[in-house]
Amino acid sequence: MRRFEWLAVGPLPAAWDLRRLGWRLTECVRAPGEDELHPLLATPQGLSFAEWLALTSSAPRRRVRIIMLGVADSAERARLLRLGFGDALPPTAGIEELEERALLRIRQAGALPRYRQLGPLRLDLLARDGMVAGRALALHPREFALAWRLSDEPGGPVAAEVLLRDVWHLEFRPETNSLAVHVSRLRGKLRLAGLDGLIETLPDGSYRLALTSASPVQGPGLPLPPAQGKLALDAHLRLGEEPAEQEMTTPGARPRHAL
């Protein structure tokens, strides 16, 4: 039976009570051996300040399963996504939409691999960061999204247009240098970790992970696992965005300011 938790204080509103669709409301205390894939529901206004701090500081694996409900302001929903929550729905969202989004959280939590090992570089999907020799790179969300997308095809070229489409969700080439800026920042952090040259720019403007040309780091390198299929980026892109210095916008649209 599908299960969910209600985190907020007060009764669960009938409009979002998944028990109406056959789900079971479970207690917050997890029994030994019980899976952690069920979604967690809450409303921001139903949380005390201490509870809010506990949720925002919780492990990413838990935070991505939390769906915030009844958030009317679109800017506030965007802020919640940037904080790492799995989803944020407006008051007009019906129970059928909530169920589909809850099922999506379950599928993503159960199907996506958490780690990708690329030589000495380990990418952590839930933490949205990279590790080299046990040290975090402190990647921003866009930098991690670029590294993860390039890791779909280690050693193979990925066109700039493809990165703009899959990481920025843009179908056109904007008149900004945000892609180059984020690639440069990512290269800088890899260089400090001893992986200078890991990301190559090819003559046609595409990028690739050149694992053989990366500088070695102290300690034994970790093996590259068998090739994995391409995976949707939604799981970590929904967790937040790094405010760019030059925001990409659609033609004629006003720039979106960071919150």
Protein backbone atom coordinates (compact mmCIF):
# COMPACT_ATOMS: atom_id res chain seq x y z
CA MET A 1 0.00 0.00 0.00
CA ARG A 2 1.25 3.49 -0.81
CA ARG A 3 2.13 5.55 2.24
CA PHE A 4 2.71 9.20 3.03
CA GLU A 5 3.47 11.38 6.05
CA TRP A 6 1.87 14.64 7.18
CA LEU A 7 4.47 16.92 8.77
CA ALA A 8 2.54 20.08 9.59
CA VAL A 9 0.72 20.88 12.82
CA GLY A 10 -3.03 20.49 12.68
CA PRO A 11 -5.32 18.22 10.70
CA LEU A 12 -4.57 17.24 7.13
CA PRO A 13 -6.86 19.22 4.78
CA ALA A 14 -9.36 16.96 3.06
CA ALA A 15 -8.44 18.46 -0.33
CA TRP A 16 -4.94 16.93 -0.02
CA ASP A 17 -5.75 13.79 1.97
CA LEU A 18 -4.31 11.01 -0.19
CA ARG A 19 -6.25 8.49 1.87
CA ARG A 20 -9.18 9.38 -0.37
CA LEU A 21 -7.21 7.71 -3.20
CA GLY A 22 -6.27 4.61 -1.25
CA TRP A 23 -3.02 5.79 0.40
CA ARG A 24 -2.18 5.17 4.05
CA LEU A 25 -1.14 7.94 6.42
CA THR A 26 1.91 6.73 8.33
CA GLU A 27 3.59 7.95 11.49
CA CYS A 28 6.79 9.99 11.31
CA VAL A 29 8.70 7.29 13.19
CA ARG A 30 10.04 4.72 10.72
CA ALA A 31 10.15 1.08 11.69
CA PRO A 32 13.46 -0.79 11.23
CA GLY A 33 13.84 -2.08 7.69
CA GLU A 34 11.01 0.10 6.37
CA ASP A 35 11.73 1.95 3.14
CA GLU A 36 12.20 5.72 3.00
CA LEU A 37 10.61 6.30 -0.39
CA HIS A 38 7.23 7.60 0.71
CA PRO A 39 6.47 11.33 0.19
CA LEU A 40 6.19 13.84 3.04
CA LEU A 41 3.49 16.51 2.91
CA ALA A 42 3.47 19.85 4.73
CA THR A 43 2.21 23.41 4.51
CA PRO A 44 4.69 26.22 5.32
CA GLN A 45 2.12 28.01 7.47
CA GLY A 46 1.59 24.83 9.50
CA LEU A 47 5.22 24.62 10.64
CA SER A 48 6.72 26.23 13.70
CA PHE A 49 10.01 28.08 13.32
CA ALA A 50 11.88 25.20 14.96
CA GLU A 51 10.21 22.68 12.64
CA TRP A 52 11.03 24.84 9.63
CA LEU A 53 14.70 24.99 10.61
CA ALA A 54 14.73 21.24 11.14
CA LEU A 55 13.36 20.63 7.64
CA THR A 56 15.68 23.06 5.86
CA SER A 57 18.70 21.55 7.62
CA SER A 58 17.63 17.93 7.11
CA ALA A 59 19.53 15.59 4.84
CA PRO A 60 18.95 16.15 1.11
CA ARG A 61 17.64 12.58 0.79
CA ARG A 62 14.79 13.48 3.14
CA ARG A 63 14.22 17.02 1.89
CA VAL A 64 13.67 15.97 -1.73
CA ARG A 65 10.71 13.86 -0.62
CA ILE A 66 8.90 16.83 0.97
CA ILE A 67 6.04 18.39 -1.00
CA MET A 68 4.99 21.82 0.24
CA LEU A 69 1.28 22.52 -0.24
CA GLY A 70 -0.84 25.66 -0.46
CA VAL A 71 1.95 28.02 -1.58
CA ALA A 72 0.12 30.73 -3.53
CA ASP A 73 3.07 32.92 -4.52
CA SER A 74 5.11 31.60 -7.46
CA ALA A 75 8.27 33.32 -6.20
CA GLU A 76 7.88 31.55 -2.86
CA ARG A 77 7.42 28.21 -4.63
CA ALA A 78 10.64 28.86 -6.54
CA ARG A 79 12.43 29.68 -3.27
CA LEU A 80 11.26 26.40 -1.72
CA LEU A 81 12.62 24.49 -4.70
CA ARG A 82 15.94 26.27 -4.36
CA LEU A 83 16.03 25.26 -0.70
CA GLY A 84 15.93 21.64 -1.78
CA PHE A 85 12.30 20.64 -1.27
CA GLY A 86 10.96 18.11 -3.75
CA ASP A 87 7.97 20.13 -4.89
CA ALA A 88 5.73 23.09 -4.04
CA LEU A 89 2.10 23.28 -5.12
CA PRO A 90 -0.35 26.20 -5.22
CA PRO A 91 -3.68 26.09 -3.32
CA THR A 92 -5.47 25.36 -6.60
CA ALA A 93 -3.67 22.03 -7.10
CA GLY A 94 -6.11 19.12 -6.90
CA ILE A 95 -5.60 15.80 -5.19
CA GLU A 96 -5.08 14.00 -8.52
CA GLU A 97 -2.15 16.31 -9.37
CA LEU A 98 -0.75 15.84 -5.86
CA GLU A 99 -0.89 12.06 -6.27
CA GLU A 100 0.98 12.18 -9.59
CA ARG A 101 3.67 14.43 -8.13
CA ALA A 102 3.96 12.18 -5.07
CA LEU A 103 4.37 9.14 -7.32
CA LEU A 104 7.05 11.03 -9.27
CA ARG A 105 8.97 11.66 -6.05
CA ILE A 106 8.81 7.92 -5.29
CA ARG A 107 10.00 6.94 -8.76
CA GLN A 108 12.87 9.42 -8.69
CA ALA A 109 13.97 8.38 -5.21
CA GLY A 110 13.91 4.71 -6.17
CA ALA A 111 15.24 4.79 -9.73
CA LEU A 112 17.98 7.40 -9.90
CA PRO A 113 21.47 6.37 -8.78
CA ARG A 114 22.80 8.62 -6.08
CA TYR A 115 26.44 8.47 -7.16
CA ARG A 116 28.43 8.54 -10.37
CA GLN A 117 32.12 7.73 -10.17
CA LEU A 118 34.31 9.30 -12.87
CA GLY A 119 37.88 8.36 -12.07
CA PRO A 120 38.77 10.25 -8.87
CA LEU A 121 35.63 12.43 -9.16
CA ARG A 122 32.45 11.28 -7.46
CA LEU A 123 29.18 13.09 -8.19
CA ASP A 124 26.47 12.92 -5.52
CA LEU A 125 23.01 13.52 -6.99
CA LEU A 126 21.20 14.09 -3.69
CA ALA A 127 23.87 16.35 -2.18
CA ARG A 128 24.28 18.05 -5.61
CA ASP A 129 28.05 18.15 -5.12
CA GLY A 130 31.24 16.51 -6.25
CA MET A 131 33.88 14.80 -4.13
CA VAL A 132 37.58 14.31 -4.84
CA ALA A 133 39.73 12.35 -2.37
CA GLY A 134 36.96 12.67 0.22
CA ARG A 135 36.68 16.47 -0.07
CA ALA A 136 33.58 18.28 -1.31
CA LEU A 137 33.94 20.68 -4.23
CA ALA A 138 31.12 22.96 -3.00
CA LEU A 139 29.46 23.07 -6.40
CA HIS A 140 26.57 25.42 -7.04
CA PRO A 141 23.43 23.82 -8.55
CA ARG A 142 24.18 24.92 -12.13
CA GLU A 143 27.78 23.72 -11.87
CA PHE A 144 26.63 20.36 -10.59
CA ALA A 145 23.98 20.10 -13.33
CA LEU A 146 26.65 20.74 -15.97
CA ALA A 147 28.96 18.10 -14.50
CA TRP A 148 26.13 15.57 -14.26
CA ARG A 149 25.00 16.20 -17.85
CA LEU A 150 28.56 15.84 -19.15
CA SER A 151 28.88 12.62 -17.18
CA ASP A 152 26.01 11.16 -19.22
CA GLU A 153 28.58 10.75 -21.98
CA PRO A 154 32.04 10.57 -20.37
CA GLY A 155 34.61 11.21 -23.08
CA GLY A 156 31.94 12.14 -25.62
CA PRO A 157 31.16 15.66 -26.83
CA VAL A 158 28.07 17.50 -25.61
CA ALA A 159 27.05 20.48 -27.71
CA ALA A 160 26.49 23.86 -26.08
CA GLU A 161 22.92 23.84 -27.41
CA VAL A 162 22.30 20.52 -25.67
CA LEU A 163 23.61 21.86 -22.36
CA LEU A 164 21.44 24.94 -22.69
CA ARG A 165 18.42 22.74 -23.38
CA ASP A 166 19.02 20.12 -20.67
CA VAL A 167 20.44 22.33 -17.91
CA TRP A 168 18.76 25.69 -18.58
CA HIS A 169 15.70 24.30 -20.41
CA LEU A 170 16.26 26.74 -23.27
CA GLU A 171 15.61 25.96 -26.92
CA PHE A 172 17.60 28.95 -28.21
CA ARG A 173 21.11 30.37 -27.82
CA PRO A 174 20.78 33.43 -25.54
CA GLU A 175 22.92 36.52 -25.94
CA THR A 176 24.71 35.92 -22.64
CA ASN A 177 27.86 34.10 -21.58
CA SER A 178 26.28 32.24 -18.64
CA LEU A 179 27.25 28.84 -20.03
CA ALA A 180 30.89 29.84 -20.41
CA VAL A 181 30.87 31.48 -16.97
CA HIS A 182 29.51 28.39 -15.24
CA VAL A 183 31.90 26.09 -17.11
CA SER A 184 34.78 28.35 -16.04
CA ARG A 185 33.67 28.24 -12.39
CA LEU A 186 33.34 24.46 -12.53
CA ARG A 187 36.80 24.15 -14.07
CA GLY A 188 38.24 26.37 -11.34
CA LYS A 189 36.88 24.15 -8.57
CA LEU A 190 38.09 21.01 -10.33
CA ARG A 191 41.51 22.60 -10.78
CA LEU A 192 41.78 23.32 -7.05
CA ALA A 193 40.96 19.65 -6.43
CA GLY A 194 43.78 18.53 -8.72
CA LEU A 195 41.63 17.78 -11.78
CA ASP A 196 42.85 20.45 -14.15
CA GLY A 197 41.89 19.64 -17.73
CA LEU A 198 38.94 17.39 -16.87
CA ILE A 199 36.55 19.50 -18.96
CA GLU A 200 37.67 20.16 -22.52
CA THR A 201 36.29 22.65 -25.02
CA LEU A 202 36.30 21.21 -28.53
CA PRO A 203 36.84 23.26 -31.73
CA ASP A 204 33.12 23.21 -32.54
CA GLY A 205 32.27 24.76 -29.14
CA SER A 206 31.06 21.56 -27.51
CA TYR A 207 32.35 20.26 -24.19
CA ARG A 208 33.44 16.85 -22.94
CA LEU A 209 34.86 15.11 -19.90
CA ALA A 210 38.41 14.10 -20.83
CA LEU A 211 39.18 11.71 -18.01
CA THR A 212 42.54 10.62 -19.41
CA SER A 213 43.84 14.21 -19.51
CA ALA A 214 42.89 15.08 -15.94
CA SER A 215 45.75 15.69 -13.55
CA PRO A 216 46.15 12.96 -10.90
CA VAL A 217 45.25 13.50 -7.27
CA GLN A 218 46.91 12.09 -4.17
CA GLY A 219 45.78 8.61 -3.32
CA PRO A 220 44.52 5.81 -5.56
CA GLY A 221 42.06 6.72 -8.28
CA LEU A 222 38.63 5.13 -8.14
CA PRO A 223 37.51 3.02 -11.12
CA LEU A 224 34.95 4.20 -13.62
CA PRO A 225 31.82 2.02 -13.38
CA PRO A 226 30.07 0.51 -16.40
CA ALA A 227 28.38 3.07 -18.64
CA GLN A 228 25.03 4.21 -17.34
CA GLY A 229 22.11 5.33 -19.42
CA LYS A 230 21.17 8.98 -19.62
CA LEU A 231 18.97 10.08 -16.76
CA ALA A 232 16.56 12.95 -16.46
CA LEU A 233 17.99 15.95 -14.66
CA ASP A 234 14.70 16.92 -13.02
CA ALA A 235 15.58 15.37 -9.67
CA HIS A 236 18.39 17.77 -8.91
CA LEU A 237 17.33 20.70 -11.09
CA ARG A 238 14.14 20.94 -9.05
CA LEU A 239 16.19 21.27 -5.89
CA GLY A 240 17.31 24.79 -6.70
CA GLU A 241 19.08 27.13 -9.01
CA GLU A 242 22.12 29.28 -8.61
CA PRO A 243 21.28 32.93 -9.31
CA ALA A 244 23.39 33.79 -12.34
CA GLU A 245 25.03 37.16 -12.78
CA GLN A 246 23.51 37.39 -16.23
CA GLU A 247 20.11 35.72 -16.15
CA MET A 248 18.97 33.88 -19.26
CA THR A 249 15.52 34.96 -20.38
CA THR A 250 13.23 34.29 -23.26
CA PRO A 251 13.07 37.04 -25.92
CA GLY A 252 10.98 39.97 -24.72
CA ALA A 253 10.63 38.67 -21.17
CA ARG A 254 11.70 40.65 -18.14
CA PRO A 255 14.71 39.28 -16.23
CA ARG A 256 13.86 37.16 -13.19
CA HIS A 257 15.61 38.49 -10.13
CA ALA A 258 17.02 36.11 -7.57
CA LEU A 259 15.06 35.86 -4.39
